[in-house]
Amino acid sequence: APGENLRIDPDRLWDSLMEMAKIGPGVAGGNNRQALTDED
């Protein structure tokens, strides 16, 4: 098993989530990125 000291980078993951959320923004802070739309 991997050693318990091996961890992901939470800041990088969070920044990626926020960057993806800029594509197909909703009207109330979420997302509207439905399948096979331009935003998708």
All heavy atoms as atom14 arrays in JSON, in Angstrom:
{
  "sequence": "APGENLRIDPDRLWDSLMEMAKIGPGVAGGNNRQALTDED",
  "atom14_mask": [
    [1, 1, 1, 1, 1, 0, 0, 0, 0, 0, 0, 0, 0, 0],
    [1, 1, 1, 1, 1, 1, 1, 0, 0, 0, 0, 0, 0, 0],
    [1, 1, 1, 1, 0, 0, 0, 0, 0, 0, 0, 0, 0, 0],
    [1, 1, 1, 1, 1, 1, 1, 1, 1, 0, 0, 0, 0, 0],
    [1, 1, 1, 1, 1, 1, 1, 1, 0, 0, 0, 0, 0, 0],
    [1, 1, 1, 1, 1, 1, 1, 1, 0, 0, 0, 0, 0, 0],
    [1, 1, 1, 1, 1, 1, 1, 1, 1, 1, 1, 0, 0, 0],
    [1, 1, 1, 1, 1, 1, 1, 1, 0, 0, 0, 0, 0, 0],
    [1, 1, 1, 1, 1, 1, 1, 1, 0, 0, 0, 0, 0, 0],
    [1, 1, 1, 1, 1, 1, 1, 0, 0, 0, 0, 0, 0, 0],
    [1, 1, 1, 1, 1, 1, 1, 1, 0, 0, 0, 0, 0, 0],
    [1, 1, 1, 1, 1, 1, 1, 1, 1, 1, 1, 0, 0, 0],
    [1, 1, 1, 1, 1, 1, 1, 1, 0, 0, 0, 0, 0, 0],
    [1, 1, 1, 1, 1, 1, 1, 1, 1, 1, 1, 1, 1, 1],
    [1, 1, 1, 1, 1, 1, 1, 1, 0, 0, 0, 0, 0, 0],
    [1, 1, 1, 1, 1, 1, 0, 0, 0, 0, 0, 0, 0, 0],
    [1, 1, 1, 1, 1, 1, 1, 1, 0, 0, 0, 0, 0, 0],
    [1, 1, 1, 1, 1, 1, 1, 1, 0, 0, 0, 0, 0, 0],
    [1, 1, 1, 1, 1, 1, 1, 1, 1, 0, 0, 0, 0, 0],
    [1, 1, 1, 1, 1, 1, 1, 1, 0, 0, 0, 0, 0, 0],
    [1, 1, 1, 1, 1, 0, 0, 0, 0, 0, 0, 0, 0, 0],
    [1, 1, 1, 1, 1, 1, 1, 1, 1, 0, 0, 0, 0, 0],
    [1, 1, 1, 1, 1, 1, 1, 1, 0, 0, 0, 0, 0, 0],
    [1, 1, 1, 1, 0, 0, 0, 0, 0, 0, 0, 0, 0, 0],
    [1, 1, 1, 1, 1, 1, 1, 0, 0, 0, 0, 0, 0, 0],
    [1, 1, 1, 1, 0, 0, 0, 0, 0, 0, 0, 0, 0, 0],
    [1, 1, 1, 1, 1, 1, 1, 0, 0, 0, 0, 0, 0, 0],
    [1, 1, 1, 1, 1, 0, 0, 0, 0, 0, 0, 0, 0, 0],
    [1, 1, 1, 1, 0, 0, 0, 0, 0, 0, 0, 0, 0, 0],
    [1, 1, 1, 1, 0, 0, 0, 0, 0, 0, 0, 0, 0, 0],
    [1, 1, 1, 1, 1, 1, 1, 1, 0, 0, 0, 0, 0, 0],
    [1, 1, 1, 1, 1, 1, 1, 1, 0, 0, 0, 0, 0, 0],
    [1, 1, 1, 1, 1, 1, 1, 1, 1, 1, 1, 0, 0, 0],
    [1, 1, 1, 1, 1, 1, 1, 1, 1, 0, 0, 0, 0, 0],
    [1, 1, 1, 1, 1, 0, 0, 0, 0, 0, 0, 0, 0, 0],
    [1, 1, 1, 1, 1, 1, 1, 1, 0, 0, 0, 0, 0, 0],
    [1, 1, 1, 1, 1, 1, 1, 0, 0, 0, 0, 0, 0, 0],
    [1, 1, 1, 1, 1, 1, 1, 1, 0, 0, 0, 0, 0, 0],
    [1, 1, 1, 1, 1, 1, 1, 1, 1, 0, 0, 0, 0, 0],
    [1, 1, 1, 1, 1, 1, 1, 1, 0, 0, 0, 0, 0, 0]
  ],
  "atom14_positions": [
    [[0.84, -1.19, 0.0], [0.0, 0.0, 0.0], [0.88, 1.24, 0.0], [2.0, 1.23, 0.53], [-0.91, 0.0, 1.21], [0.0, 0.0, 0.0], [0.0, 0.0, 0.0], [0.0, 0.0, 0.0], [0.0, 0.0, 0.0], [0.0, 0.0, 0.0], [0.0, 0.0, 0.0], [0.0, 0.0, 0.0], [0.0, 0.0, 0.0], [0.0, 0.0, 0.0]],
    [[0.42, 2.34, -0.58], [1.18, 3.58, -0.52], [1.34, 4.02, 0.93], [0.48, 3.78, 1.78], [0.3, 4.57, -1.3], [-0.65, 3.74, -2.08], [-0.84, 2.48, -1.31], [0.0, 0.0, 0.0], [0.0, 0.0, 0.0], [0.0, 0.0, 0.0], [0.0, 0.0, 0.0], [0.0, 0.0, 0.0], [0.0, 0.0, 0.0], [0.0, 0.0, 0.0]],
    [[2.45, 4.7, 1.23], [2.67, 5.19, 2.58], [1.65, 6.25, 2.96], [1.17, 7.01, 2.11], [0.0, 0.0, 0.0], [0.0, 0.0, 0.0], [0.0, 0.0, 0.0], [0.0, 0.0, 0.0], [0.0, 0.0, 0.0], [0.0, 0.0, 0.0], [0.0, 0.0, 0.0], [0.0, 0.0, 0.0], [0.0, 0.0, 0.0], [0.0, 0.0, 0.0]],
    [[1.34, 6.31, 4.26], [0.29, 7.22, 4.71], [0.67, 8.69, 4.52], [-0.18, 9.57, 4.57], [-0.04, 6.96, 6.18], [1.11, 7.22, 7.13], [0.76, 6.88, 8.56], [0.15, 5.81, 8.79], [1.1, 7.68, 9.45], [0.0, 0.0, 0.0], [0.0, 0.0, 0.0], [0.0, 0.0, 0.0], [0.0, 0.0, 0.0], [0.0, 0.0, 0.0]],
    [[1.96, 8.96, 4.29], [2.4, 10.34, 4.08], [2.11, 10.82, 2.67], [2.27, 12.02, 2.38], [3.9, 10.46, 4.37], [4.74, 9.56, 3.46], [4.39, 8.4, 3.25], [5.85, 10.09, 2.96], [0.0, 0.0, 0.0], [0.0, 0.0, 0.0], [0.0, 0.0, 0.0], [0.0, 0.0, 0.0], [0.0, 0.0, 0.0], [0.0, 0.0, 0.0]],
    [[1.7, 9.94, 1.79], [1.43, 10.33, 0.41], [0.02, 10.93, 0.32], [-0.97, 10.24, 0.56], [1.56, 9.14, -0.53], [2.93, 8.44, -0.56], [2.94, 7.35, -1.6], [4.04, 9.45, -0.82], [0.0, 0.0, 0.0], [0.0, 0.0, 0.0], [0.0, 0.0, 0.0], [0.0, 0.0, 0.0], [0.0, 0.0, 0.0], [0.0, 0.0, 0.0]],
    [[-0.06, 12.19, -0.03], [-1.34, 12.92, -0.08], [-1.42, 13.76, -1.35], [-0.4, 14.16, -1.91], [-1.47, 13.86, 1.13], [-1.17, 13.22, 2.49], [-2.4, 12.64, 3.11], [-2.11, 11.95, 4.37], [-2.98, 11.85, 5.38], [-4.18, 12.4, 5.27], [-2.65, 11.2, 6.47], [0.0, 0.0, 0.0], [0.0, 0.0, 0.0], [0.0, 0.0, 0.0]],
    [[-2.66, 14.02, -1.76], [-2.86, 14.87, -2.93], [-2.67, 16.34, -2.53], [-2.53, 16.68, -1.35], [-4.26, 14.64, -3.56], [-5.39, 14.97, -2.56], [-4.39, 13.2, -4.03], [-6.0, 16.32, -2.64], [0.0, 0.0, 0.0], [0.0, 0.0, 0.0], [0.0, 0.0, 0.0], [0.0, 0.0, 0.0], [0.0, 0.0, 0.0], [0.0, 0.0, 0.0]],
    [[-2.67, 17.22, -3.52], [-2.55, 18.67, -3.28], [-3.96, 19.26, -3.26], [-4.57, 19.47, -4.32], [-1.72, 19.3, -4.4], [-1.48, 20.79, -4.21], [-2.27, 21.43, -3.49], [-0.53, 21.32, -4.81], [0.0, 0.0, 0.0], [0.0, 0.0, 0.0], [0.0, 0.0, 0.0], [0.0, 0.0, 0.0], [0.0, 0.0, 0.0], [0.0, 0.0, 0.0]],
    [[-4.51, 19.55, -2.08], [-5.9, 20.01, -2.01], [-6.13, 21.36, -2.66], [-7.21, 21.62, -3.21], [-6.19, 20.05, -0.5], [-4.85, 20.19, 0.14], [-3.89, 19.45, -0.75], [0.0, 0.0, 0.0], [0.0, 0.0, 0.0], [0.0, 0.0, 0.0], [0.0, 0.0, 0.0], [0.0, 0.0, 0.0], [0.0, 0.0, 0.0], [0.0, 0.0, 0.0]],
    [[-5.13, 22.24, -2.59], [-5.29, 23.56, -3.2], [-5.38, 23.45, -4.72], [-6.2, 24.13, -5.36], [-4.12, 24.48, -2.81], [-4.1, 24.79, -1.32], [-5.19, 24.88, -0.72], [-3.0, 24.94, -0.76], [0.0, 0.0, 0.0], [0.0, 0.0, 0.0], [0.0, 0.0, 0.0], [0.0, 0.0, 0.0], [0.0, 0.0, 0.0], [0.0, 0.0, 0.0]],
    [[-4.54, 22.62, -5.3], [-4.58, 22.43, -6.76], [-5.9, 21.81, -7.19], [-6.51, 22.25, -8.19], [-3.41, 21.56, -7.2], [-3.37, 21.28, -8.69], [-2.07, 20.59, -9.09], [-1.88, 19.35, -8.34], [-0.71, 18.71, -8.25], [0.37, 19.19, -8.84], [-0.62, 17.58, -7.56], [0.0, 0.0, 0.0], [0.0, 0.0, 0.0], [0.0, 0.0, 0.0]],
    [[-6.38, 20.81, -6.45], [-7.67, 20.2, -6.77], [-8.78, 21.23, -6.69], [-9.63, 21.31, -7.59], [-7.95, 19.04, -5.81], [-9.34, 18.4, -5.9], [-9.62, 17.85, -7.29], [-9.49, 17.29, -4.85], [0.0, 0.0, 0.0], [0.0, 0.0, 0.0], [0.0, 0.0, 0.0], [0.0, 0.0, 0.0], [0.0, 0.0, 0.0], [0.0, 0.0, 0.0]],
    [[-8.78, 22.01, -5.63], [-9.84, 23.01, -5.44], [-9.79, 24.07, -6.55], [-10.82, 24.46, -7.09], [-9.71, 23.66, -4.07], [-10.94, 24.42, -3.67], [-11.12, 25.78, -3.7], [-12.17, 23.87, -3.19], [-12.38, 26.09, -3.27], [-13.04, 24.95, -2.94], [-12.59, 22.56, -2.95], [-14.34, 24.75, -2.46], [-13.88, 22.36, -2.46], [-14.75, 23.46, -2.23]],
    [[-8.59, 24.52, -6.89], [-8.45, 25.51, -7.96], [-8.98, 24.97, -9.29], [-9.62, 25.69, -10.06], [-6.99, 25.93, -8.12], [-6.48, 26.79, -6.96], [-7.33, 27.29, -6.18], [-5.25, 26.95, -6.84], [0.0, 0.0, 0.0], [0.0, 0.0, 0.0], [0.0, 0.0, 0.0], [0.0, 0.0, 0.0], [0.0, 0.0, 0.0], [0.0, 0.0, 0.0]],
    [[-8.73, 23.69, -9.55], [-9.23, 23.07, -10.78], [-10.75, 23.0, -10.79], [-11.39, 23.26, -11.81], [-8.62, 21.67, -10.96], [-7.22, 21.74, -11.11], [0.0, 0.0, 0.0], [0.0, 0.0, 0.0], [0.0, 0.0, 0.0], [0.0, 0.0, 0.0], [0.0, 0.0, 0.0], [0.0, 0.0, 0.0], [0.0, 0.0, 0.0], [0.0, 0.0, 0.0]],
    [[-11.34, 22.66, -9.64], [-12.8, 22.64, -9.53], [-13.38, 24.01, -9.83], [-14.38, 24.15, -10.55], [-13.22, 22.18, -8.13], [-13.02, 20.7, -7.8], [-13.13, 20.47, -6.29], [-14.03, 19.83, -8.55], [0.0, 0.0, 0.0], [0.0, 0.0, 0.0], [0.0, 0.0, 0.0], [0.0, 0.0, 0.0], [0.0, 0.0, 0.0], [0.0, 0.0, 0.0]],
    [[-12.77, 25.04, -9.28], [-13.28, 26.4, -9.48], [-13.06, 26.87, -10.92], [-13.89, 27.6, -11.47], [-12.59, 27.37, -8.51], [-12.9, 27.1, -7.03], [-14.69, 27.07, -6.66], [-14.91, 25.3, -6.34], [0.0, 0.0, 0.0], [0.0, 0.0, 0.0], [0.0, 0.0, 0.0], [0.0, 0.0, 0.0], [0.0, 0.0, 0.0], [0.0, 0.0, 0.0]],
    [[-11.96, 26.44, -11.53], [-11.7, 26.82, -12.92], [-12.71, 26.16, -13.85], [-13.25, 26.81, -14.76], [-10.27, 26.42, -13.3], [-9.78, 26.99, -14.61], [-9.61, 28.5, -14.59], [-9.41, 29.07, -13.5], [-9.66, 29.11, -15.68], [0.0, 0.0, 0.0], [0.0, 0.0, 0.0], [0.0, 0.0, 0.0], [0.0, 0.0, 0.0], [0.0, 0.0, 0.0]],
    [[-13.01, 24.87, -13.63], [-14.0, 24.18, -14.44], [-15.38, 24.82, -14.25], [-16.18, 24.9, -15.2], [-14.04, 22.7, -14.1], [-14.99, 21.86, -14.95], [-14.59, 21.84, -16.73], [-13.13, 20.78, -16.73], [0.0, 0.0, 0.0], [0.0, 0.0, 0.0], [0.0, 0.0, 0.0], [0.0, 0.0, 0.0], [0.0, 0.0, 0.0], [0.0, 0.0, 0.0]],
    [[-15.67, 25.28, -13.04], [-16.98, 25.86, -12.74], [-17.23, 27.16, -13.49], [-18.38, 27.61, -13.61], [-17.12, 26.09, -11.24], [0.0, 0.0, 0.0], [0.0, 0.0, 0.0], [0.0, 0.0, 0.0], [0.0, 0.0, 0.0], [0.0, 0.0, 0.0], [0.0, 0.0, 0.0], [0.0, 0.0, 0.0], [0.0, 0.0, 0.0], [0.0, 0.0, 0.0]],
    [[-16.17, 27.78, -14.03], [-16.35, 29.0, -14.82], [-16.99, 28.71, -16.17], [-17.5, 29.61, -16.83], [-15.0, 29.69, -15.03], [-14.37, 30.24, -13.75], [-13.0, 30.84, -14.04], [-12.33, 31.33, -12.78], [-10.96, 31.86, -13.06], [0.0, 0.0, 0.0], [0.0, 0.0, 0.0], [0.0, 0.0, 0.0], [0.0, 0.0, 0.0], [0.0, 0.0, 0.0]],
    [[-16.96, 27.44, -16.59], [-17.52, 27.06, -17.89], [-18.95, 26.6, -17.69], [-19.22, 25.68, -16.93], [-16.67, 25.93, -18.52], [-15.24, 26.41, -18.75], [-17.31, 25.46, -19.82], [-14.3, 25.33, -19.23], [0.0, 0.0, 0.0], [0.0, 0.0, 0.0], [0.0, 0.0, 0.0], [0.0, 0.0, 0.0], [0.0, 0.0, 0.0], [0.0, 0.0, 0.0]],
    [[-19.88, 27.25, -18.37], [-21.3, 26.93, -18.21], [-21.81, 27.35, -16.85], [-22.43, 26.54, -16.15], [0.0, 0.0, 0.0], [0.0, 0.0, 0.0], [0.0, 0.0, 0.0], [0.0, 0.0, 0.0], [0.0, 0.0, 0.0], [0.0, 0.0, 0.0], [0.0, 0.0, 0.0], [0.0, 0.0, 0.0], [0.0, 0.0, 0.0], [0.0, 0.0, 0.0]],
    [[-21.61, 28.62, -16.46], [-22.08, 29.04, -15.15], [-23.61, 29.06, -15.09], [-24.27, 29.32, -16.09], [-21.51, 30.45, -15.0], [-21.33, 30.94, -16.41], [-20.96, 29.72, -17.21], [0.0, 0.0, 0.0], [0.0, 0.0, 0.0], [0.0, 0.0, 0.0], [0.0, 0.0, 0.0], [0.0, 0.0, 0.0], [0.0, 0.0, 0.0], [0.0, 0.0, 0.0]],
    [[-24.15, 28.76, -13.91], [-25.58, 28.87, -13.71], [-25.98, 30.3, -13.39], [-25.18, 31.23, -13.56], [0.0, 0.0, 0.0], [0.0, 0.0, 0.0], [0.0, 0.0, 0.0], [0.0, 0.0, 0.0], [0.0, 0.0, 0.0], [0.0, 0.0, 0.0], [0.0, 0.0, 0.0], [0.0, 0.0, 0.0], [0.0, 0.0, 0.0], [0.0, 0.0, 0.0]],
    [[-27.18, 30.46, -12.91], [-27.68, 31.8, -12.59], [-27.6, 32.08, -11.09], [-27.86, 33.2, -10.66], [-29.14, 31.99, -13.07], [-29.21, 31.88, -14.58], [-30.06, 30.96, -12.41], [0.0, 0.0, 0.0], [0.0, 0.0, 0.0], [0.0, 0.0, 0.0], [0.0, 0.0, 0.0], [0.0, 0.0, 0.0], [0.0, 0.0, 0.0], [0.0, 0.0, 0.0]],
    [[-27.24, 31.07, -10.3], [-27.23, 31.24, -8.84], [-25.99, 30.63, -8.21], [-26.05, 30.08, -7.1], [-28.49, 30.63, -8.25], [0.0, 0.0, 0.0], [0.0, 0.0, 0.0], [0.0, 0.0, 0.0], [0.0, 0.0, 0.0], [0.0, 0.0, 0.0], [0.0, 0.0, 0.0], [0.0, 0.0, 0.0], [0.0, 0.0, 0.0], [0.0, 0.0, 0.0]],
    [[-24.86, 30.67, -8.93], [-23.61, 30.22, -8.35], [-23.21, 28.8, -8.7], [-22.12, 28.35, -8.33], [0.0, 0.0, 0.0], [0.0, 0.0, 0.0], [0.0, 0.0, 0.0], [0.0, 0.0, 0.0], [0.0, 0.0, 0.0], [0.0, 0.0, 0.0], [0.0, 0.0, 0.0], [0.0, 0.0, 0.0], [0.0, 0.0, 0.0], [0.0, 0.0, 0.0]],
    [[-24.07, 28.07, -9.4], [-23.75, 26.7, -9.77], [-23.35, 26.6, -11.23], [-22.64, 27.46, -11.76], [0.0, 0.0, 0.0], [0.0, 0.0, 0.0], [0.0, 0.0, 0.0], [0.0, 0.0, 0.0], [0.0, 0.0, 0.0], [0.0, 0.0, 0.0], [0.0, 0.0, 0.0], [0.0, 0.0, 0.0], [0.0, 0.0, 0.0], [0.0, 0.0, 0.0]],
    [[-23.83, 25.54, -11.9], [-23.45, 25.31, -13.29], [-24.62, 24.82, -14.12], [-25.52, 24.14, -13.63], [-22.32, 24.28, -13.38], [-20.96, 24.88, -13.14], [-20.38, 24.71, -12.08], [-20.45, 25.61, -14.12], [0.0, 0.0, 0.0], [0.0, 0.0, 0.0], [0.0, 0.0, 0.0], [0.0, 0.0, 0.0], [0.0, 0.0, 0.0], [0.0, 0.0, 0.0]],
    [[-24.58, 25.18, -15.4], [-25.47, 24.63, -16.42], [-24.58, 24.21, -17.59], [-24.35, 24.98, -18.51], [-26.51, 25.66, -16.85], [-27.47, 25.12, -17.9], [-27.45, 23.93, -18.23], [-28.31, 25.99, -18.44], [0.0, 0.0, 0.0], [0.0, 0.0, 0.0], [0.0, 0.0, 0.0], [0.0, 0.0, 0.0], [0.0, 0.0, 0.0], [0.0, 0.0, 0.0]],
    [[-24.07, 23.01, -17.49], [-23.16, 22.47, -18.5], [-23.71, 21.11, -18.93], [-23.13, 20.05, -18.68], [-21.74, 22.36, -17.93], [-20.65, 22.16, -18.97], [-19.25, 22.29, -18.38], [-19.05, 21.42, -17.24], [-18.85, 21.84, -16.0], [-18.79, 23.13, -15.72], [-18.69, 20.96, -15.01], [0.0, 0.0, 0.0], [0.0, 0.0, 0.0], [0.0, 0.0, 0.0]],
    [[-24.87, 21.16, -19.58], [-25.56, 19.94, -19.95], [-24.83, 19.21, -21.07], [-24.07, 19.8, -21.84], [-26.99, 20.26, -20.38], [-27.84, 20.84, -19.26], [-29.24, 21.2, -19.74], [-30.0, 20.34, -20.17], [-29.58, 22.48, -19.65], [0.0, 0.0, 0.0], [0.0, 0.0, 0.0], [0.0, 0.0, 0.0], [0.0, 0.0, 0.0], [0.0, 0.0, 0.0]],
    [[-25.09, 17.91, -21.17], [-24.37, 17.06, -22.11], [-24.52, 17.53, -23.54], [-25.62, 17.88, -24.0], [-24.86, 15.62, -21.98], [0.0, 0.0, 0.0], [0.0, 0.0, 0.0], [0.0, 0.0, 0.0], [0.0, 0.0, 0.0], [0.0, 0.0, 0.0], [0.0, 0.0, 0.0], [0.0, 0.0, 0.0], [0.0, 0.0, 0.0], [0.0, 0.0, 0.0]],
    [[-23.4, 17.56, -24.24], [-23.32, 17.83, -25.68], [-23.77, 19.24, -26.05], [-24.14, 19.5, -27.19], [-24.12, 16.79, -26.48], [-23.84, 15.32, -26.14], [-24.5, 14.39, -27.14], [-22.35, 15.04, -26.05], [0.0, 0.0, 0.0], [0.0, 0.0, 0.0], [0.0, 0.0, 0.0], [0.0, 0.0, 0.0], [0.0, 0.0, 0.0], [0.0, 0.0, 0.0]],
    [[-23.71, 20.15, -25.1], [-23.88, 21.57, -25.4], [-22.5, 22.16, -25.72], [-21.46, 21.52, -25.51], [-24.47, 22.32, -24.2], [-23.6, 22.13, -23.06], [-25.88, 21.81, -23.88], [0.0, 0.0, 0.0], [0.0, 0.0, 0.0], [0.0, 0.0, 0.0], [0.0, 0.0, 0.0], [0.0, 0.0, 0.0], [0.0, 0.0, 0.0], [0.0, 0.0, 0.0]],
    [[-22.48, 23.4, -26.18], [-21.21, 24.07, -26.44], [-20.38, 24.16, -25.16], [-19.15, 24.03, -25.19], [-21.45, 25.47, -27.0], [-22.06, 25.45, -28.4], [-22.0, 24.38, -29.05], [-22.59, 26.49, -28.83], [0.0, 0.0, 0.0], [0.0, 0.0, 0.0], [0.0, 0.0, 0.0], [0.0, 0.0, 0.0], [0.0, 0.0, 0.0], [0.0, 0.0, 0.0]],
    [[-21.08, 24.36, -24.04], [-20.38, 24.46, -22.76], [-19.72, 23.13, -22.38], [-18.6, 23.1, -21.86], [-21.34, 24.91, -21.66], [-21.84, 26.33, -21.8], [-22.95, 26.49, -22.84], [-23.5, 25.45, -23.3], [-23.27, 27.64, -23.18], [0.0, 0.0, 0.0], [0.0, 0.0, 0.0], [0.0, 0.0, 0.0], [0.0, 0.0, 0.0], [0.0, 0.0, 0.0]],
    [[-20.42, 22.03, -22.65], [-19.83, 20.71, -22.43], [-18.57, 20.56, -23.26], [-17.53, 20.09, -22.77], [-20.86, 19.63, -22.77], [-20.35, 18.21, -22.51], [-19.42, 18.04, -21.7], [-20.88, 17.27, -23.12], [0.0, 0.0, 0.0], [0.0, 0.0, 0.0], [0.0, 0.0, 0.0], [0.0, 0.0, 0.0], [0.0, 0.0, 0.0], [0.0, 0.0, 0.0]]
  ]
}
